[in-house]
């Protein structure tokens, strides 16, 4: 004997409610806000579409000044040492490296920001992890051949060289060669191998 089923009620679908969306800024939007004075006197950089304020504390600031002065002496004429100024790495990357050595002089960058550097230095205290990962990936992707981290926490210099695709992570880049130099050691820029720099001269 067949069983006859009555009409069944199909439950109505619950409408999808859009969740919060992450807003990722572009370089154009970022510079527009900056030119409008939106950031005030704060130093802000754009990393992967996100805005970050740069740390400001006496040890960090002192290390920026010490490193800038030391590199000016090491490189000499024909090079320009920029401190916490924009490096143009594309639509969603406008970092402000703590120190960047480029060729030429200040007027060569009066109309546009540099897109590369001879030596890039980040002064790291609270930002050590980000400087070793997110920023290292982007700097390696951009072909920055000589990337230094002045690590204030461990009081050491970390030298990153030989940028290349990361074989362990598709689409990511890294530095194949990493050298740790203690506070008592010395190091030379890749472009100035004869200019030996005491790591202690970079530390506050």
N, C-alpha and C. Protein backbone atom coordinates (compact mmCIF):
# COMPACT_ATOMS: atom_id res chain seq x y z
N UNK A 1 0.86 -1.20 0.00
CA UNK A 1 0.00 0.00 0.00
C UNK A 1 0.88 1.23 0.00
N UNK A 2 0.66 2.13 -0.95
CA UNK A 2 1.49 3.33 -1.08
C UNK A 2 1.11 4.35 -0.04
N UNK A 3 2.12 5.03 0.44
CA UNK A 3 1.89 6.10 1.39
C UNK A 3 1.87 7.43 0.66
N UNK A 4 0.84 8.21 0.89
CA UNK A 4 0.72 9.51 0.22
C UNK A 4 1.17 10.58 1.19
N UNK A 5 2.14 11.37 0.75
CA UNK A 5 2.66 12.45 1.60
C UNK A 5 1.99 13.75 1.21
N UNK A 6 1.70 14.51 2.17
CA UNK A 6 1.11 15.81 1.89
C UNK A 6 2.17 16.81 1.43
N UNK A 7 1.74 17.99 1.07
CA UNK A 7 2.69 19.02 0.62
C UNK A 7 3.67 19.37 1.74
N UNK A 8 4.94 19.51 1.35
CA UNK A 8 5.97 19.83 2.33
C UNK A 8 6.36 21.30 2.24
N UNK A 9 6.64 21.85 3.38
CA UNK A 9 7.05 23.25 3.42
C UNK A 9 8.56 23.33 3.36
N UNK A 10 9.06 24.03 2.36
CA UNK A 10 10.50 24.21 2.22
C UNK A 10 10.91 25.44 3.02
N UNK A 11 11.81 25.27 3.98
CA UNK A 11 12.19 26.43 4.79
C UNK A 11 12.83 27.52 3.93
N UNK A 12 12.44 28.72 4.23
CA UNK A 12 12.98 29.87 3.48
C UNK A 12 14.46 30.02 3.77
N UNK A 13 15.19 30.42 2.74
CA UNK A 13 16.62 30.64 2.92
C UNK A 13 16.87 31.91 3.73
N UNK A 14 17.80 31.78 4.64
CA UNK A 14 18.17 32.97 5.40
C UNK A 14 19.04 33.87 4.52
N UNK A 15 18.62 35.10 4.32
CA UNK A 15 19.40 35.99 3.45
C UNK A 15 20.81 36.21 4.01
N UNK A 16 21.75 36.24 3.11
CA UNK A 16 23.13 36.47 3.52
C UNK A 16 23.32 37.92 3.92
N UNK A 17 23.97 38.08 5.05
CA UNK A 17 24.26 39.43 5.52
C UNK A 17 25.76 39.67 5.33
N UNK A 18 26.08 40.72 4.64
CA UNK A 18 27.49 41.03 4.38
C UNK A 18 28.21 41.36 5.69
N UNK A 19 29.36 40.74 5.88
CA UNK A 19 30.15 41.01 7.08
C UNK A 19 31.05 42.20 6.88
N UNK A 20 31.83 42.52 7.88
CA UNK A 20 32.74 43.65 7.76
C UNK A 20 33.80 43.38 6.70
N UNK A 21 34.13 44.39 5.94
CA UNK A 21 35.13 44.24 4.89
C UNK A 21 36.36 45.06 5.22
N UNK A 22 37.49 44.50 4.91
CA UNK A 22 38.75 45.19 5.13
C UNK A 22 38.97 46.20 4.01
N UNK A 23 39.27 47.42 4.40
CA UNK A 23 39.53 48.46 3.41
C UNK A 23 41.03 48.53 3.16
N UNK A 24 41.42 48.32 1.91
CA UNK A 24 42.83 48.38 1.55
C UNK A 24 43.06 49.63 0.72
N UNK A 25 43.97 50.46 1.18
CA UNK A 25 44.24 51.74 0.54
C UNK A 25 45.19 51.57 -0.65
N UNK A 26 45.07 52.49 -1.59
CA UNK A 26 46.00 52.53 -2.71
C UNK A 26 47.00 53.65 -2.48
N UNK A 27 48.08 53.62 -3.25
CA UNK A 27 49.10 54.66 -3.13
C UNK A 27 48.50 56.04 -3.43
N UNK A 28 47.63 56.10 -4.43
CA UNK A 28 47.01 57.38 -4.80
C UNK A 28 46.18 57.93 -3.65
N UNK A 29 45.38 57.08 -3.03
CA UNK A 29 44.56 57.52 -1.89
C UNK A 29 45.42 57.92 -0.71
N UNK A 30 46.46 57.12 -0.48
CA UNK A 30 47.37 57.37 0.63
C UNK A 30 48.04 58.74 0.50
N UNK A 31 48.57 59.05 -0.67
CA UNK A 31 49.24 60.33 -0.86
C UNK A 31 48.25 61.50 -0.86
N UNK A 32 47.04 61.25 -1.29
CA UNK A 32 46.02 62.29 -1.23
C UNK A 32 45.72 62.66 0.22
N UNK A 33 45.56 61.66 1.07
CA UNK A 33 45.33 61.91 2.49
C UNK A 33 46.50 62.64 3.11
N UNK A 34 47.70 62.22 2.74
CA UNK A 34 48.90 62.86 3.29
C UNK A 34 48.99 64.32 2.88
N UNK A 35 48.71 64.61 1.60
CA UNK A 35 48.77 65.99 1.11
C UNK A 35 47.70 66.87 1.73
N UNK A 36 46.59 66.25 2.16
CA UNK A 36 45.52 67.00 2.83
C UNK A 36 45.84 67.26 4.30
N UNK A 37 46.95 66.68 4.78
CA UNK A 37 47.31 66.87 6.18
C UNK A 37 46.57 65.96 7.13
N UNK A 38 45.97 64.88 6.58
CA UNK A 38 45.15 64.00 7.40
C UNK A 38 45.96 63.34 8.51
N UNK A 39 47.22 63.03 8.26
CA UNK A 39 48.04 62.34 9.24
C UNK A 39 48.74 63.27 10.22
N UNK A 40 48.59 64.57 10.01
CA UNK A 40 49.24 65.52 10.91
C UNK A 40 50.75 65.38 10.85
N UNK A 41 51.39 65.37 12.01
CA UNK A 41 52.85 65.24 12.04
C UNK A 41 53.29 63.79 12.24
N UNK A 42 52.35 62.85 12.15
CA UNK A 42 52.70 61.44 12.29
C UNK A 42 53.31 60.91 11.00
N UNK A 43 54.29 60.02 11.14
CA UNK A 43 54.87 59.37 9.97
C UNK A 43 54.10 58.07 9.73
N UNK A 44 53.50 57.97 8.56
CA UNK A 44 52.64 56.83 8.24
C UNK A 44 53.12 56.20 6.94
N UNK A 45 53.10 54.87 6.89
CA UNK A 45 53.49 54.16 5.67
C UNK A 45 52.37 53.22 5.24
N UNK A 46 52.38 52.88 3.96
CA UNK A 46 51.38 51.98 3.39
C UNK A 46 52.04 50.64 3.08
N UNK A 47 51.59 49.58 3.75
CA UNK A 47 52.15 48.25 3.57
C UNK A 47 51.02 47.29 3.22
N UNK A 48 51.03 46.79 1.98
CA UNK A 48 50.00 45.87 1.51
C UNK A 48 48.60 46.45 1.69
N UNK A 49 48.47 47.75 1.46
CA UNK A 49 47.17 48.40 1.55
C UNK A 49 46.77 48.83 2.94
N UNK A 50 47.56 48.49 3.95
CA UNK A 50 47.26 48.86 5.33
C UNK A 50 48.14 50.03 5.75
N UNK A 51 47.60 50.88 6.62
CA UNK A 51 48.33 52.04 7.11
C UNK A 51 48.97 51.73 8.47
N UNK A 52 50.23 52.09 8.60
CA UNK A 52 50.96 51.88 9.85
C UNK A 52 51.66 53.18 10.24
N UNK A 53 51.57 53.52 11.52
CA UNK A 53 52.35 54.65 12.01
C UNK A 53 53.72 54.15 12.44
N UNK A 54 54.75 54.93 12.15
CA UNK A 54 56.10 54.53 12.52
C UNK A 54 56.34 54.81 13.99
N UNK A 55 57.09 53.95 14.66
CA UNK A 55 57.36 54.16 16.08
C UNK A 55 58.20 55.40 16.30
N UNK A 56 57.97 56.04 17.41
CA UNK A 56 58.81 57.18 17.78
C UNK A 56 59.12 57.09 19.26
N UNK A 57 60.37 56.81 19.55
CA UNK A 57 60.84 56.76 20.92
C UNK A 57 62.33 57.09 20.88
N UNK A 58 62.90 57.54 21.98
CA UNK A 58 64.30 58.00 21.96
C UNK A 58 65.30 56.99 21.42
N UNK A 59 65.28 55.70 21.84
CA UNK A 59 66.26 54.77 21.28
C UNK A 59 66.12 54.60 19.77
N UNK A 60 64.89 54.47 19.30
CA UNK A 60 64.65 54.29 17.86
C UNK A 60 65.13 55.52 17.09
N UNK A 61 64.72 56.69 17.52
CA UNK A 61 65.10 57.93 16.82
C UNK A 61 66.62 58.11 16.83
N UNK A 62 67.24 57.80 17.96
CA UNK A 62 68.70 57.93 18.05
C UNK A 62 69.39 56.99 17.06
N UNK A 63 68.89 55.76 16.95
CA UNK A 63 69.47 54.80 16.02
C UNK A 63 69.31 55.25 14.57
N UNK A 64 68.18 55.89 14.26
CA UNK A 64 67.98 56.42 12.90
C UNK A 64 69.04 57.47 12.59
N UNK A 65 69.26 58.40 13.53
CA UNK A 65 70.25 59.45 13.31
C UNK A 65 71.66 58.86 13.21
N UNK A 66 72.00 57.94 14.11
CA UNK A 66 73.33 57.34 14.10
C UNK A 66 73.59 56.58 12.80
N UNK A 67 72.61 55.81 12.37
CA UNK A 67 72.77 55.03 11.15
C UNK A 67 72.89 55.94 9.93
N UNK A 68 72.07 56.97 9.88
CA UNK A 68 72.13 57.92 8.76
C UNK A 68 73.49 58.58 8.67
N UNK A 69 73.99 59.07 9.80
CA UNK A 69 75.30 59.74 9.81
C UNK A 69 76.42 58.78 9.43
N UNK A 70 76.35 57.55 9.95
CA UNK A 70 77.39 56.56 9.66
C UNK A 70 77.41 56.21 8.18
N UNK A 71 76.24 56.05 7.57
CA UNK A 71 76.19 55.67 6.16
C UNK A 71 76.57 56.83 5.25
N UNK A 72 76.27 58.05 5.65
CA UNK A 72 76.73 59.20 4.85
C UNK A 72 78.26 59.21 4.77
N UNK A 73 78.90 58.94 5.89
CA UNK A 73 80.36 58.91 5.92
C UNK A 73 80.90 57.73 5.11
N UNK A 74 80.20 56.60 5.15
CA UNK A 74 80.68 55.41 4.46
C UNK A 74 80.53 55.51 2.95
N UNK A 75 79.44 56.12 2.48
CA UNK A 75 79.19 56.18 1.04
C UNK A 75 79.81 57.42 0.38
N UNK A 76 79.76 58.56 1.04
CA UNK A 76 80.38 59.75 0.48
C UNK A 76 79.62 60.36 -0.68
N UNK A 77 80.34 61.12 -1.50
CA UNK A 77 79.73 61.86 -2.61
C UNK A 77 79.15 60.91 -3.64
N UNK A 78 78.07 61.37 -4.28
CA UNK A 78 77.41 60.56 -5.31
C UNK A 78 76.29 59.70 -4.79
N UNK A 79 76.09 59.73 -3.47
CA UNK A 79 75.02 58.96 -2.85
C UNK A 79 74.21 59.87 -1.94
N UNK A 80 72.96 59.52 -1.78
CA UNK A 80 72.05 60.31 -0.95
C UNK A 80 71.43 59.38 0.09
N UNK A 81 71.54 59.76 1.36
CA UNK A 81 70.98 58.96 2.46
C UNK A 81 69.67 59.61 2.91
N UNK A 82 68.57 58.90 2.70
CA UNK A 82 67.24 59.40 3.05
C UNK A 82 66.80 58.75 4.37
N UNK A 83 66.23 59.54 5.26
CA UNK A 83 65.74 59.03 6.55
C UNK A 83 64.23 59.14 6.61
N UNK A 84 63.56 58.01 6.77
CA UNK A 84 62.10 57.92 6.91
C UNK A 84 61.39 58.73 5.83
N UNK A 85 61.77 58.46 4.60
CA UNK A 85 61.14 59.08 3.42
C UNK A 85 60.60 57.97 2.53
N UNK A 86 59.60 58.29 1.73
CA UNK A 86 58.86 57.29 0.97
C UNK A 86 59.70 56.58 -0.09
N UNK A 87 59.50 55.27 -0.15
CA UNK A 87 60.03 54.43 -1.22
C UNK A 87 58.82 53.90 -1.97
N UNK A 88 58.75 54.17 -3.27
CA UNK A 88 57.58 53.79 -4.07
C UNK A 88 57.75 52.35 -4.58
N UNK A 89 57.01 51.43 -3.99
CA UNK A 89 57.08 50.03 -4.40
C UNK A 89 55.76 49.55 -5.01
N UNK A 90 54.97 50.48 -5.50
CA UNK A 90 53.76 50.06 -6.20
C UNK A 90 52.47 50.54 -5.59
N UNK A 91 51.37 50.02 -6.13
CA UNK A 91 50.03 50.52 -5.83
C UNK A 91 49.65 50.42 -4.36
N UNK A 92 50.09 49.38 -3.67
CA UNK A 92 49.70 49.21 -2.27
C UNK A 92 50.89 49.20 -1.32
N UNK A 93 52.05 49.58 -1.83
CA UNK A 93 53.25 49.60 -0.98
C UNK A 93 53.97 50.94 -1.12
N UNK A 94 53.90 51.73 -0.07
CA UNK A 94 54.61 53.00 0.02
C UNK A 94 55.29 53.05 1.39
N UNK A 95 56.31 52.21 1.59
CA UNK A 95 56.98 52.19 2.90
C UNK A 95 57.84 53.43 3.12
N UNK A 96 58.14 53.68 4.38
CA UNK A 96 59.07 54.73 4.78
C UNK A 96 60.24 54.06 5.49
N UNK A 97 61.20 53.52 4.74
CA UNK A 97 62.33 52.87 5.40
C UNK A 97 63.01 53.85 6.35
N UNK A 98 63.48 53.33 7.48
CA UNK A 98 64.15 54.23 8.43
C UNK A 98 65.35 54.91 7.79
N UNK A 99 66.11 54.16 7.00
CA UNK A 99 67.25 54.74 6.27
C UNK A 99 67.34 54.06 4.90
N UNK A 100 67.51 54.87 3.86
CA UNK A 100 67.63 54.33 2.51
C UNK A 100 68.75 55.06 1.79
N UNK A 101 69.69 54.32 1.23
CA UNK A 101 70.78 54.90 0.44
C UNK A 101 70.44 54.73 -1.03
N UNK A 102 70.44 55.86 -1.76
CA UNK A 102 70.16 55.85 -3.19
C UNK A 102 71.27 56.59 -3.91
N UNK A 103 71.32 56.45 -5.22
CA UNK A 103 72.30 57.18 -5.99
C UNK A 103 71.85 58.61 -6.25
N UNK A 104 72.81 59.50 -6.52
CA UNK A 104 72.48 60.88 -6.84
C UNK A 104 72.39 61.77 -5.63
N UNK A 105 71.53 62.80 -5.73
CA UNK A 105 71.37 63.76 -4.65
C UNK A 105 69.92 64.08 -4.41
N UNK A 106 69.62 64.95 -3.43
CA UNK A 106 68.23 65.26 -3.07
C UNK A 106 67.38 65.75 -4.24
N UNK A 107 67.93 66.58 -5.12
CA UNK A 107 67.13 67.14 -6.21
C UNK A 107 66.73 66.09 -7.25
N UNK A 108 67.42 64.97 -7.26
CA UNK A 108 67.04 63.91 -8.20
C UNK A 108 65.69 63.30 -7.84
N UNK A 109 65.21 63.55 -6.63
CA UNK A 109 63.95 62.97 -6.17
C UNK A 109 62.93 64.05 -5.79
N UNK A 110 63.11 65.23 -6.37
CA UNK A 110 62.20 66.33 -6.08
C UNK A 110 60.83 66.12 -6.70
N UNK A 111 60.76 65.39 -7.83
CA UNK A 111 59.49 65.21 -8.54
C UNK A 111 58.85 63.86 -8.26
N UNK A 112 59.63 62.87 -7.88
CA UNK A 112 59.05 61.55 -7.60
C UNK A 112 59.93 60.80 -6.61
N UNK A 113 59.31 59.87 -5.92
CA UNK A 113 60.03 59.07 -4.93
C UNK A 113 60.87 58.01 -5.62
N UNK A 114 61.96 57.59 -5.00
CA UNK A 114 62.74 56.50 -5.59
C UNK A 114 61.95 55.20 -5.58
N UNK A 115 62.27 54.32 -6.52
CA UNK A 115 61.61 53.03 -6.62
C UNK A 115 62.57 51.88 -6.29
N UNK A 116 63.80 52.22 -5.93
CA UNK A 116 64.79 51.22 -5.59
C UNK A 116 65.80 51.86 -4.65
N UNK A 117 66.69 51.05 -4.11
CA UNK A 117 67.71 51.56 -3.21
C UNK A 117 68.95 50.70 -3.25
N UNK A 118 70.08 51.29 -2.89
CA UNK A 118 71.35 50.56 -2.86
C UNK A 118 71.50 49.80 -1.54
N UNK A 119 71.05 50.43 -0.46
CA UNK A 119 71.05 49.81 0.87
C UNK A 119 69.83 50.32 1.62
N UNK A 120 69.06 49.40 2.18
CA UNK A 120 67.87 49.77 2.94
C UNK A 120 68.04 49.26 4.36
N UNK A 121 67.76 50.13 5.33
CA UNK A 121 67.92 49.78 6.75
C UNK A 121 66.64 50.07 7.52
N UNK A 122 66.18 49.09 8.27
CA UNK A 122 65.08 49.30 9.21
C UNK A 122 65.64 49.20 10.63
N UNK A 123 65.22 50.14 11.47
CA UNK A 123 65.57 50.11 12.90
C UNK A 123 64.42 49.41 13.60
N UNK A 124 64.70 48.29 14.24
CA UNK A 124 63.61 47.45 14.75
C UNK A 124 63.66 47.31 16.26
N UNK A 125 62.54 47.62 16.90
CA UNK A 125 62.33 47.26 18.30
C UNK A 125 61.01 46.48 18.36
N UNK A 126 59.89 47.19 18.40
CA UNK A 126 58.60 46.50 18.40
C UNK A 126 58.26 45.90 17.03
N UNK A 127 58.97 46.32 15.99
CA UNK A 127 58.64 45.89 14.63
C UNK A 127 59.52 44.76 14.11
N UNK A 128 60.29 44.11 14.97
CA UNK A 128 61.25 43.10 14.51
C UNK A 128 60.57 42.03 13.65
N UNK A 129 59.48 41.47 14.12
CA UNK A 129 58.83 40.37 13.39
C UNK A 129 58.34 40.84 12.02
N UNK A 130 57.72 42.02 11.96
CA UNK A 130 57.21 42.53 10.68
C UNK A 130 58.36 42.85 9.72
N UNK A 131 59.46 43.38 10.26
CA UNK A 131 60.60 43.71 9.41
C UNK A 131 61.25 42.45 8.82
N UNK A 132 61.19 41.36 9.59
CA UNK A 132 61.80 40.10 9.13
C UNK A 132 60.91 39.33 8.15
N UNK A 133 59.63 39.61 8.16
CA UNK A 133 58.70 38.82 7.35
C UNK A 133 58.03 39.65 6.26
N UNK A 134 57.05 40.46 6.64
CA UNK A 134 56.27 41.22 5.65
C UNK A 134 57.16 42.15 4.84
N UNK A 135 57.99 42.92 5.53
CA UNK A 135 58.83 43.87 4.80
C UNK A 135 59.95 43.15 4.04
N UNK A 136 60.52 42.12 4.63
CA UNK A 136 61.57 41.38 3.93
C UNK A 136 61.04 40.79 2.63
N UNK A 137 59.82 40.27 2.65
CA UNK A 137 59.20 39.73 1.43
C UNK A 137 59.09 40.80 0.36
N UNK A 138 58.58 41.98 0.76
CA UNK A 138 58.37 43.02 -0.25
C UNK A 138 59.68 43.59 -0.76
N UNK A 139 60.64 43.78 0.13
CA UNK A 139 61.93 44.31 -0.31
C UNK A 139 62.65 43.31 -1.21
N UNK A 140 62.54 42.03 -0.90
CA UNK A 140 63.13 41.01 -1.76
C UNK A 140 62.43 40.98 -3.11
N UNK A 141 61.12 41.10 -3.10
CA UNK A 141 60.34 41.14 -4.34
C UNK A 141 60.74 42.32 -5.21
N UNK A 142 61.06 43.44 -4.57
CA UNK A 142 61.47 44.65 -5.29
C UNK A 142 62.92 44.60 -5.75
N UNK A 143 63.64 43.57 -5.33
CA UNK A 143 65.02 43.42 -5.76
C UNK A 143 66.03 44.23 -4.96
N UNK A 144 65.66 44.65 -3.74
CA UNK A 144 66.61 45.34 -2.88
C UNK A 144 67.70 44.34 -2.50
N UNK A 145 68.91 44.58 -2.98
CA UNK A 145 69.97 43.58 -2.83
C UNK A 145 70.59 43.54 -1.45
N UNK A 146 70.53 44.65 -0.74
CA UNK A 146 71.19 44.75 0.56
C UNK A 146 70.20 45.34 1.57
N UNK A 147 69.67 44.50 2.45
CA UNK A 147 68.66 44.90 3.43
C UNK A 147 69.20 44.62 4.82
N UNK A 148 69.27 45.66 5.66
CA UNK A 148 69.77 45.51 7.02
C UNK A 148 68.67 45.80 8.03
N UNK A 149 68.67 45.05 9.12
CA UNK A 149 67.82 45.36 10.26
C UNK A 149 68.74 45.63 11.45
N UNK A 150 68.66 46.84 11.98
CA UNK A 150 69.38 47.17 13.21
C UNK A 150 68.44 46.77 14.35
N UNK A 151 68.70 45.64 14.95
CA UNK A 151 67.82 45.04 15.95
C UNK A 151 68.18 45.60 17.34
N UNK A 152 67.33 46.50 17.83
CA UNK A 152 67.60 47.14 19.12
C UNK A 152 67.32 46.21 20.30
N UNK A 153 66.44 45.23 20.10
CA UNK A 153 66.10 44.30 21.19
C UNK A 153 67.29 43.40 21.51
N UNK A 154 67.85 42.79 20.48
CA UNK A 154 68.96 41.86 20.67
C UNK A 154 70.32 42.53 20.47
N UNK A 155 70.29 43.82 20.17
CA UNK A 155 71.52 44.60 19.96
C UNK A 155 72.45 43.88 18.98
N UNK A 156 71.94 43.75 17.76
CA UNK A 156 72.70 43.10 16.71
C UNK A 156 72.27 43.67 15.36
N UNK A 157 73.09 43.41 14.35
CA UNK A 157 72.78 43.79 12.98
C UNK A 157 72.44 42.53 12.20
N UNK A 158 71.31 42.55 11.49
CA UNK A 158 70.90 41.42 10.67
C UNK A 158 71.01 41.85 9.20
N UNK A 159 71.79 41.11 8.44
CA UNK A 159 72.05 41.45 7.04
C UNK A 159 71.35 40.44 6.14
N UNK A 160 70.48 40.93 5.26
CA UNK A 160 69.70 40.08 4.36
C UNK A 160 70.13 40.37 2.92
N UNK A 161 70.56 39.31 2.21
CA UNK A 161 71.02 39.46 0.84
C UNK A 161 70.56 38.28 -0.02
N UNK A 162 70.77 38.44 -1.33
CA UNK A 162 70.40 37.42 -2.31
C UNK A 162 68.87 37.23 -2.35
N UNK A 163 68.14 38.27 -2.76
CA UNK A 163 66.68 38.15 -2.85
C UNK A 163 66.27 37.21 -3.97
N UNK A 164 65.26 36.37 -3.68
CA UNK A 164 64.79 35.41 -4.68
C UNK A 164 63.44 34.86 -4.26
N UNK A 165 62.72 34.20 -5.19
CA UNK A 165 61.44 33.58 -4.82
C UNK A 165 61.66 32.54 -3.72
N UNK A 166 60.71 32.49 -2.80
CA UNK A 166 60.78 31.54 -1.70
C UNK A 166 60.27 30.17 -2.18
N UNK A 167 61.12 29.16 -2.24
CA UNK A 167 60.68 27.86 -2.75
C UNK A 167 59.64 27.18 -1.85
N UNK A 168 59.56 27.61 -0.60
CA UNK A 168 58.61 26.99 0.33
C UNK A 168 57.24 27.66 0.32
N UNK A 169 57.16 28.85 -0.30
CA UNK A 169 55.89 29.57 -0.27
C UNK A 169 55.65 30.20 -1.63
N UNK A 170 54.73 29.66 -2.37
CA UNK A 170 54.44 30.14 -3.71
C UNK A 170 54.00 31.60 -3.70
N UNK A 171 54.58 32.38 -4.58
CA UNK A 171 54.23 33.79 -4.69
C UNK A 171 54.94 34.68 -3.71
N UNK A 172 55.74 34.10 -2.82
CA UNK A 172 56.46 34.89 -1.83
C UNK A 172 57.94 34.97 -2.20
N UNK A 173 58.58 36.01 -1.69
CA UNK A 173 60.01 36.19 -1.91
C UNK A 173 60.71 36.25 -0.55
N UNK A 174 61.99 35.94 -0.56
CA UNK A 174 62.76 35.99 0.68
C UNK A 174 64.22 36.26 0.34
N UNK A 175 65.02 36.40 1.39
CA UNK A 175 66.46 36.56 1.22
C UNK A 175 67.13 35.23 1.56
N UNK A 176 67.87 34.70 0.59
CA UNK A 176 68.49 33.40 0.79
C UNK A 176 69.66 33.45 1.76
N UNK A 177 70.30 34.61 1.87
CA UNK A 177 71.47 34.74 2.73
C UNK A 177 71.17 35.71 3.88
N UNK A 178 71.30 35.22 5.10
CA UNK A 178 71.07 36.04 6.29
C UNK A 178 72.29 35.91 7.21
N UNK A 179 72.84 37.05 7.59
CA UNK A 179 74.02 37.07 8.47
C UNK A 179 73.70 37.90 9.71
N UNK A 180 74.02 37.37 10.87
CA UNK A 180 73.83 38.08 12.13
C UNK A 180 75.19 38.56 12.62
N UNK A 181 75.29 39.87 12.85
CA UNK A 181 76.54 40.46 13.32
C UNK A 181 76.30 41.04 14.71
N UNK A 182 77.04 40.62 15.72
CA UNK A 182 76.83 41.13 17.08
C UNK A 182 77.27 42.58 17.23
N UNK A 183 76.92 43.16 18.36
CA UNK A 183 77.25 44.57 18.61
C UNK A 183 78.74 44.84 18.57
N UNK A 184 79.54 43.83 18.81
CA UNK A 184 80.99 43.99 18.81
C UNK A 184 81.59 43.80 17.41
N UNK A 185 80.76 43.43 16.44
CA UNK A 185 81.26 43.12 15.11
C UNK A 185 81.26 44.31 14.16
N UNK A 186 81.64 44.03 12.92
CA UNK A 186 81.69 45.03 11.87
C UNK A 186 81.09 44.45 10.60
N UNK A 187 80.60 45.33 9.74
CA UNK A 187 80.01 44.90 8.48
C UNK A 187 80.22 45.97 7.42
N UNK A 188 80.18 45.56 6.17
CA UNK A 188 80.35 46.50 5.06
C UNK A 188 79.15 46.42 4.12
N UNK A 189 78.69 47.55 3.61
CA UNK A 189 77.61 47.52 2.62
C UNK A 189 78.05 46.76 1.37
N UNK A 190 77.11 46.13 0.72
CA UNK A 190 77.41 45.38 -0.49
C UNK A 190 78.03 46.26 -1.57
N UNK A 191 77.54 47.50 -1.66
CA UNK A 191 78.04 48.42 -2.68
C UNK A 191 79.30 49.16 -2.27
N UNK A 192 79.70 49.01 -1.00
CA UNK A 192 80.90 49.67 -0.49
C UNK A 192 81.68 48.68 0.37
N UNK A 193 82.22 47.62 -0.23
CA UNK A 193 82.87 46.57 0.57
C UNK A 193 84.09 47.05 1.34
N UNK A 194 84.67 48.17 0.91
CA UNK A 194 85.85 48.69 1.60
C UNK A 194 85.48 49.53 2.82
N UNK A 195 84.22 49.86 2.98
CA UNK A 195 83.77 50.73 4.09
C UNK A 195 83.26 49.87 5.24
N UNK A 196 84.14 49.44 6.12
CA UNK A 196 83.74 48.63 7.27
C UNK A 196 83.09 49.51 8.33
N UNK A 197 81.92 49.07 8.80
CA UNK A 197 81.14 49.83 9.76
C UNK A 197 81.03 49.04 11.06
N UNK A 198 81.32 49.69 12.17
CA UNK A 198 81.16 49.06 13.49
C UNK A 198 79.67 49.04 13.82
N UNK A 199 79.15 47.87 14.17
CA UNK A 199 77.74 47.76 14.52
C UNK A 199 77.42 48.66 15.71
N UNK A 200 78.36 48.80 16.63
CA UNK A 200 78.15 49.66 17.81
C UNK A 200 77.86 51.10 17.41
N UNK A 201 78.35 51.53 16.24
CA UNK A 201 78.11 52.91 15.79
C UNK A 201 76.66 53.13 15.35
N UNK A 202 75.92 52.04 15.15
CA UNK A 202 74.51 52.15 14.73
C UNK A 202 73.55 52.06 15.90
N UNK A 203 74.04 51.60 17.04
CA UNK A 203 73.20 51.34 18.20
C UNK A 203 73.21 52.50 19.19
N UNK A 204 72.06 52.83 19.78
CA UNK A 204 72.02 53.91 20.78
C UNK A 204 72.70 53.52 22.08
